[in-house]
């Protein structure tokens, strides 16, 4: 069965607010770019359903889900809800689709899990909201779709699942959710010393988690070192029935919210390697706050999943998608031409520093 692409139009006109890092169009641009490249599956992408409150309470508390629904209906929260659930606080704004949008992200990831329960691959770029906690929003994430998708796989009878997270920020919500469940092994590569300031190399969640905190400036060579010296050896040891990869694009050099220096080649190499390691594979989105780098990365990840050849220069329709973007940060005032005309970044190799080598060695012992 060819890989499945799961999307929704809810992201096209939905924004966290003009001054928020998630004011940018990401999923809609990714889907538009995939279409312009001629990479849509036959019949197009599959519509992500909106998860019901009952489905969301498989992980989140009923009180929190109800508070999210009220926040969307009234566009306000009480002081108690703000304090308890972090709604309208800590970077988690109240906006028009504050329930509908994350519920759609959850519905898409849960659908991906159901459709791949026997065998298959799926890409849900609207998923990957890995910071969401059981009873509160965290790190721009109101609902933890990754946890809900993993629970869907568990409900289908799987007992050996690997979750890999290459977002610049530690996948804390997923690790915490399965800290006492040996059926899900979590592995996170993230920038050391960055929010949420968790995921130390010593943190193992009872033995079935590994963390690879990398120093600022992590380059392609260092990510490949981690891939071949830590991630793949762990996957080979675990022999998972299914792999979920959170492919956050905020580890790219152009991202404004991290200090890592990857090119999108590194992300695609991780996708290419892990998709072969299990009969079930789900590729999610995640972080990423530069609209050009996010869309180019996630569209290329979909191409990698399918084995499509990346063109040296984008076709006119794809170029028009990228030229239609705007970005109200310093990098958006004078974007380089290759952000419009290419999908693949120039590689960013470099020295594999001792700190990275130590991290890789520590997690495979």
Protein backbone atom coordinates (compact mmCIF):
# COMPACT_ATOMS: atom_id res chain seq x y z
CA UNK A 1 0.00 0.00 0.00
CA UNK A 2 1.48 3.41 -0.91
CA UNK A 3 2.00 5.95 1.89
CA UNK A 4 -1.07 7.89 2.98
CA UNK A 5 -1.15 11.69 3.33
CA UNK A 6 -3.51 13.09 5.96
CA UNK A 7 -4.39 16.80 6.05
CA UNK A 8 -7.08 19.36 6.74
CA UNK A 9 -8.11 22.80 5.56
CA UNK A 10 -8.54 23.97 9.15
CA UNK A 11 -4.90 25.05 9.24
CA UNK A 12 -5.17 27.35 6.22
CA UNK A 13 -6.86 30.28 7.95
CA UNK A 14 -6.17 29.37 11.57
CA UNK A 15 -3.55 31.29 13.51
CA UNK A 16 -2.44 31.56 17.12
CA UNK A 17 -2.39 35.34 16.67
CA UNK A 18 -0.28 37.84 14.69
CA UNK A 19 2.57 38.03 17.20
CA UNK A 20 2.76 34.33 18.03
CA UNK A 21 5.44 32.08 16.46
CA UNK A 22 2.60 29.95 15.10
CA UNK A 23 1.09 32.82 13.14
CA UNK A 24 2.72 31.30 10.04
CA UNK A 25 1.01 28.88 7.60
CA UNK A 26 2.75 25.52 7.85
CA UNK A 27 0.51 22.52 7.13
CA UNK A 28 -1.44 24.29 4.38
CA UNK A 29 1.78 25.40 2.69
CA UNK A 30 3.21 21.89 2.97
CA UNK A 31 0.13 20.38 1.34
CA UNK A 32 0.09 23.07 -1.36
CA UNK A 33 3.77 22.44 -2.08
CA UNK A 34 3.24 18.68 -2.30
CA UNK A 35 0.39 19.25 -4.75
CA UNK A 36 2.44 21.68 -6.84
CA UNK A 37 5.22 19.12 -7.08
CA UNK A 38 2.78 16.54 -8.44
CA UNK A 39 3.32 14.39 -5.36
CA UNK A 40 -0.28 14.00 -4.18
CA UNK A 41 -1.49 10.41 -3.85
CA UNK A 42 -4.23 9.21 -6.16
CA UNK A 43 -7.41 10.77 -4.84
CA UNK A 44 -5.46 13.44 -2.92
CA UNK A 45 -4.85 13.66 0.76
CA UNK A 46 -7.19 12.11 3.32
CA UNK A 47 -9.24 14.50 5.44
CA UNK A 48 -8.27 14.40 9.12
CA UNK A 49 -11.39 13.94 11.25
CA UNK A 50 -11.87 16.03 14.35
CA UNK A 51 -11.34 13.87 17.43
CA UNK A 52 -14.36 13.76 19.69
CA UNK A 53 -14.18 14.78 23.35
CA UNK A 54 -14.56 11.11 24.25
CA UNK A 55 -11.57 10.19 22.10
CA UNK A 56 -9.47 12.97 23.61
CA UNK A 57 -10.19 11.72 27.13
CA UNK A 58 -8.33 8.51 26.34
CA UNK A 59 -5.38 10.61 27.47
CA UNK A 60 -6.54 14.06 28.58
CA UNK A 61 -8.76 14.63 31.61
CA UNK A 62 -12.47 15.32 30.98
CA UNK A 63 -12.16 18.59 32.89
CA UNK A 64 -9.38 19.82 30.61
CA UNK A 65 -11.19 18.83 27.41
CA UNK A 66 -14.32 20.61 28.63
CA UNK A 67 -12.27 23.72 29.44
CA UNK A 68 -10.85 23.70 25.90
CA UNK A 69 -14.35 23.48 24.44
CA UNK A 70 -15.56 26.36 26.60
CA UNK A 71 -12.53 28.45 25.64
CA UNK A 72 -13.37 28.07 21.95
CA UNK A 73 -17.07 28.79 22.49
CA UNK A 74 -16.56 31.88 24.65
CA UNK A 75 -13.06 32.99 23.54
CA UNK A 76 -12.27 33.46 27.22
CA UNK A 77 -11.12 31.50 30.26
CA UNK A 78 -11.61 31.98 33.96
CA UNK A 79 -8.63 32.77 36.19
CA UNK A 80 -8.96 29.26 37.61
CA UNK A 81 -8.82 27.66 34.15
CA UNK A 82 -5.84 29.81 33.22
CA UNK A 83 -3.95 28.73 36.33
CA UNK A 84 -4.92 25.06 36.24
CA UNK A 85 -4.85 24.35 32.50
CA UNK A 86 -2.43 27.05 31.23
CA UNK A 87 -5.02 28.23 28.71
CA UNK A 88 -4.39 31.79 27.65
CA UNK A 89 -1.02 31.69 29.42
CA UNK A 90 2.56 30.49 28.93
CA UNK A 91 2.46 30.85 25.15
CA UNK A 92 -0.84 28.98 24.76
CA UNK A 93 -3.24 31.67 23.52
CA UNK A 94 -7.01 31.58 23.24
CA UNK A 95 -7.80 31.78 19.55
CA UNK A 96 -10.77 31.03 17.33
CA UNK A 97 -10.11 27.29 16.83
CA UNK A 98 -8.44 26.57 20.17
CA UNK A 99 -10.37 23.29 20.50
CA UNK A 100 -11.15 22.44 16.87
CA UNK A 101 -7.61 22.75 15.52
CA UNK A 102 -5.81 20.56 18.09
CA UNK A 103 -8.71 18.10 18.01
CA UNK A 104 -8.19 17.85 14.24
CA UNK A 105 -4.47 17.27 14.74
CA UNK A 106 -5.35 14.48 17.16
CA UNK A 107 -7.94 13.06 14.79
CA UNK A 108 -5.40 12.98 11.97
CA UNK A 109 -2.75 11.16 13.99
CA UNK A 110 -5.28 8.72 15.41
CA UNK A 111 -6.57 8.03 11.90
CA UNK A 112 -3.00 7.42 10.73
CA UNK A 113 -2.59 4.85 13.51
CA UNK A 114 -5.83 3.10 12.63
CA UNK A 115 -4.99 2.99 8.91
CA UNK A 116 -1.54 1.53 9.61
CA UNK A 117 -2.58 -0.84 12.40
CA UNK A 118 -1.94 -3.89 10.22
CA UNK A 119 0.78 -2.50 7.95
CA UNK A 120 1.52 0.77 6.13
CA UNK A 121 2.98 4.26 6.21
CA UNK A 122 1.32 7.63 6.72
CA UNK A 123 2.30 11.28 6.94
CA UNK A 124 0.22 13.64 9.09
CA UNK A 125 2.04 17.00 9.02
CA UNK A 126 -0.55 18.56 11.33
CA UNK A 127 0.49 16.20 14.11
CA UNK A 128 3.51 16.16 16.39
CA UNK A 129 2.24 18.38 19.22
CA UNK A 130 4.44 16.57 21.68
CA UNK A 131 4.37 18.90 24.70
CA UNK A 132 0.66 18.59 25.56
CA UNK A 133 0.07 17.23 29.06
CA UNK A 134 -2.84 15.31 30.49
CA UNK A 135 -4.56 18.27 32.11
CA UNK A 136 -2.97 21.35 30.58
CA UNK A 137 -1.53 22.98 27.49
CA UNK A 138 2.23 23.30 27.20
CA UNK A 139 4.64 24.69 24.63
CA UNK A 140 1.97 25.77 22.09
CA UNK A 141 0.47 22.24 22.30
CA UNK A 142 -3.12 21.98 23.54
CA UNK A 143 -3.68 18.28 22.76
CA UNK A 144 -1.00 15.62 22.54
CA UNK A 145 -1.89 13.91 19.28
CA UNK A 146 1.26 11.76 19.33
CA UNK A 147 0.23 10.16 22.62
CA UNK A 148 -3.29 9.56 21.32
CA UNK A 149 -1.94 7.98 18.13
CA UNK A 150 0.36 5.70 20.10
CA UNK A 151 -2.58 4.70 22.30
CA UNK A 152 -4.50 3.83 19.13
CA UNK A 153 -1.71 1.46 18.09
CA UNK A 154 -1.70 -0.09 21.57
CA UNK A 155 -5.46 -0.57 21.39
CA UNK A 156 -4.93 -2.45 18.13
CA UNK A 157 -2.79 -4.96 20.01
CA UNK A 158 0.74 -3.70 19.35
CA UNK A 159 3.12 -4.22 22.26
CA UNK A 160 6.48 -2.92 20.97
CA UNK A 161 6.45 0.63 19.61
CA UNK A 162 9.31 3.08 19.06
CA UNK A 163 8.65 6.83 19.19
CA UNK A 164 11.47 8.98 17.79
CA UNK A 165 11.48 12.77 18.14
CA UNK A 166 13.95 15.04 16.29
CA UNK A 167 12.32 18.36 17.20
CA UNK A 168 14.67 20.98 18.65
CA UNK A 169 12.71 20.71 21.90
CA UNK A 170 12.54 17.62 24.09
CA UNK A 171 9.46 15.44 23.51
CA UNK A 172 8.57 15.68 27.18
CA UNK A 173 4.82 15.11 26.94
CA UNK A 174 5.19 11.80 25.13
CA UNK A 175 7.99 10.53 27.36
CA UNK A 176 6.00 11.42 30.47
CA UNK A 177 2.81 9.79 29.17
CA UNK A 178 4.54 6.43 28.69
CA UNK A 179 7.04 6.62 31.52
CA UNK A 180 5.48 3.55 33.14
CA UNK A 181 4.50 1.67 29.98
CA UNK A 182 7.25 -0.60 28.61
CA UNK A 183 5.29 -1.12 25.38
CA UNK A 184 6.38 2.32 24.11
CA UNK A 185 10.06 3.26 23.93
CA UNK A 186 10.70 6.98 23.45
CA UNK A 187 13.85 8.47 21.94
CA UNK A 188 14.35 12.23 21.68
CA UNK A 189 17.10 14.25 19.96
CA UNK A 190 16.92 17.88 21.05
CA UNK A 191 18.95 20.96 21.84
CA UNK A 192 20.55 20.81 25.29
CA UNK A 193 19.56 23.59 27.67
CA UNK A 194 16.49 24.66 25.71
CA UNK A 195 12.91 24.77 26.99
CA UNK A 196 11.35 22.64 28.50
CA UNK A 197 14.75 21.95 30.07
CA UNK A 198 14.07 18.23 30.40
CA UNK A 199 15.48 15.22 28.58
CA UNK A 200 18.93 14.90 30.09
CA UNK A 201 21.01 12.02 28.81
CA UNK A 202 20.63 10.39 32.24
CA UNK A 203 16.82 10.47 32.06
CA UNK A 204 15.50 7.08 31.00
CA UNK A 205 11.89 6.94 32.25
CA UNK A 206 12.33 3.64 34.04
CA UNK A 207 14.51 2.18 31.29
CA UNK A 208 12.38 2.56 28.17
CA UNK A 209 13.40 6.07 27.13
CA UNK A 210 16.62 7.55 25.81
CA UNK A 211 17.54 11.19 25.37
CA UNK A 212 20.18 12.72 23.13
CA UNK A 213 20.62 16.39 24.08
CA UNK A 214 22.95 18.01 21.54
CA UNK A 215 24.88 21.28 21.79
CA UNK A 216 23.93 24.41 19.84
CA UNK A 217 25.20 24.34 16.28
CA UNK A 218 24.48 20.63 15.78
CA UNK A 219 25.24 19.98 12.10
CA UNK A 220 24.34 17.34 9.51
CA UNK A 221 27.42 15.24 10.24
CA UNK A 222 26.52 15.13 13.92
CA UNK A 223 22.92 14.13 13.21
CA UNK A 224 24.16 11.33 10.94
CA UNK A 225 26.52 10.22 13.72
CA UNK A 226 23.56 10.01 16.11
CA UNK A 227 21.47 8.22 13.49
CA UNK A 228 24.03 5.51 12.81
CA UNK A 229 25.63 5.27 16.28
CA UNK A 230 22.52 5.57 18.46
CA UNK A 231 19.10 5.73 16.79
CA UNK A 232 19.47 2.82 14.36
CA UNK A 233 21.32 0.56 16.82
CA UNK A 234 18.51 1.09 19.33
CA UNK A 235 15.89 0.38 16.67
CA UNK A 236 17.72 -2.77 15.62
CA UNK A 237 17.89 -3.90 19.24
CA UNK A 238 14.20 -3.18 19.90
CA UNK A 239 12.87 -4.62 16.60
CA UNK A 240 9.70 -2.50 16.95
CA UNK A 241 6.38 -3.44 15.43
CA UNK A 242 5.77 0.24 14.62
CA UNK A 243 7.68 3.53 14.56
CA UNK A 244 6.30 7.03 14.95
CA UNK A 245 8.68 9.84 13.95
CA UNK A 246 8.06 13.40 15.10
CA UNK A 247 9.87 15.45 12.45
CA UNK A 248 9.92 18.93 13.95
CA UNK A 249 11.53 21.42 11.59
CA UNK A 250 12.74 23.81 14.27
CA UNK A 251 16.11 22.05 14.34
CA UNK A 252 16.89 23.60 10.94
CA UNK A 253 19.46 26.37 10.87
CA UNK A 254 16.98 29.04 9.70
CA UNK A 255 14.54 28.51 12.56
CA UNK A 256 14.19 31.46 14.95
CA UNK A 257 13.42 29.42 18.09
CA UNK A 258 16.50 27.21 18.30
CA UNK A 259 20.25 27.33 17.75
CA UNK A 260 20.78 24.11 15.83
CA UNK A 261 22.30 24.08 12.35
CA UNK A 262 20.78 21.18 10.45
CA UNK A 263 19.79 21.20 6.79
CA UNK A 264 16.64 19.42 5.72
CA UNK A 265 18.86 16.67 4.29
CA UNK A 266 19.40 15.46 7.85
CA UNK A 267 15.66 15.15 8.48
CA UNK A 268 15.14 13.29 5.22
CA UNK A 269 17.95 10.86 6.02
CA UNK A 270 16.32 10.03 9.34
CA UNK A 271 12.99 9.46 7.55
CA UNK A 272 14.65 7.27 4.89
CA UNK A 273 16.37 5.11 7.50
CA UNK A 274 13.53 4.67 10.00
CA UNK A 275 10.77 3.97 7.48
CA UNK A 276 12.53 0.70 6.66
CA UNK A 277 12.83 -0.42 10.29
CA UNK A 278 9.21 -1.44 10.97
CA UNK A 279 6.14 -2.56 9.01
CA UNK A 280 4.15 0.37 10.41
CA UNK A 281 5.46 3.93 10.18
CA UNK A 282 3.85 7.30 10.93
CA UNK A 283 5.57 10.58 10.10
CA UNK A 284 4.37 13.65 12.00
CA UNK A 285 5.15 17.34 11.83
CA UNK A 286 5.94 19.23 15.03
CA UNK A 287 7.83 22.44 15.71
CA UNK A 288 9.07 24.84 13.07
CA UNK A 289 8.66 28.60 12.94
CA UNK A 290 10.05 29.69 9.57
CA UNK A 291 7.36 29.06 6.93
CA UNK A 292 9.79 28.41 4.07
CA UNK A 293 12.02 25.97 5.92
CA UNK A 294 9.09 24.10 7.47
CA UNK A 295 7.17 23.58 4.22
CA UNK A 296 10.28 22.60 2.25
CA UNK A 297 11.34 20.15 4.98
CA UNK A 298 7.97 18.45 5.41
CA UNK A 299 7.20 18.28 1.69
CA UNK A 300 10.63 16.72 1.15
CA UNK A 301 10.00 14.28 3.98
CA UNK A 302 6.84 13.17 2.17
CA UNK A 303 8.89 12.81 -1.01
CA UNK A 304 11.43 10.70 0.89
CA UNK A 305 8.67 8.48 2.24
CA UNK A 306 7.56 7.82 -1.34
CA UNK A 307 10.99 7.61 -2.95
CA UNK A 308 10.36 10.65 -5.17
CA UNK A 309 13.30 12.41 -6.77
CA UNK A 310 13.79 15.96 -5.51
CA UNK A 311 14.14 18.36 -8.47
CA UNK A 312 17.16 20.62 -8.64
CA UNK A 313 14.80 23.53 -9.27
CA UNK A 314 11.20 23.66 -8.27
CA UNK A 315 8.52 23.79 -10.95
CA UNK A 316 6.82 27.13 -11.43
CA UNK A 317 3.71 26.16 -9.47
CA UNK A 318 5.77 25.15 -6.46
CA UNK A 319 7.85 28.30 -6.64
CA UNK A 320 4.67 30.37 -6.64
CA UNK A 321 3.53 28.65 -3.44
CA UNK A 322 6.74 29.69 -1.69
CA UNK A 323 6.85 33.20 -3.13
CA UNK A 324 3.35 33.75 -1.77
CA UNK A 325 4.53 33.42 1.84
CA UNK A 326 5.36 36.26 4.20
CA UNK A 327 7.21 36.20 7.51
CA UNK A 328 7.17 39.04 10.00
CA UNK A 329 10.58 38.37 11.49
CA UNK A 330 14.02 39.58 10.50
CA UNK A 331 14.65 36.55 8.25
CA UNK A 332 11.49 37.33 6.31
CA UNK A 333 12.54 40.82 5.25
CA UNK A 334 15.04 39.63 2.68
CA UNK A 335 14.65 35.86 2.20
CA UNK A 336 17.33 34.21 0.04
CA UNK A 337 16.34 33.13 -3.45
CA UNK A 338 16.87 29.42 -2.79
CA UNK A 339 13.97 29.46 -0.32
CA UNK A 340 11.74 30.02 -3.36
CA UNK A 341 13.41 27.90 -6.01
CA UNK A 342 14.67 24.73 -4.30
CA UNK A 343 13.37 22.06 -1.97
CA UNK A 344 16.71 20.68 -0.81
CA UNK A 345 19.00 22.77 1.40
CA UNK A 346 22.72 22.87 0.81
CA UNK A 347 24.21 20.24 3.15
CA UNK A 348 25.68 21.52 6.41
CA UNK A 349 28.45 19.09 7.35
CA UNK A 350 30.93 19.75 10.10
CA UNK A 351 33.06 18.30 12.85
CA UNK A 352 31.41 15.67 15.06
CA UNK A 353 32.18 17.15 18.45
CA UNK A 354 33.13 15.11 21.49
CA UNK A 355 29.90 16.11 23.26
CA UNK A 356 27.84 14.51 20.50
CA UNK A 357 29.97 11.37 20.50
CA UNK A 358 29.53 11.05 24.26
CA UNK A 359 25.76 11.37 24.02
CA UNK A 360 25.58 8.70 21.32
CA UNK A 361 27.73 6.31 23.34
CA UNK A 362 25.75 6.90 26.52
CA UNK A 363 22.34 5.96 25.13
CA UNK A 364 23.30 2.62 23.60
CA UNK A 365 24.81 1.10 26.73
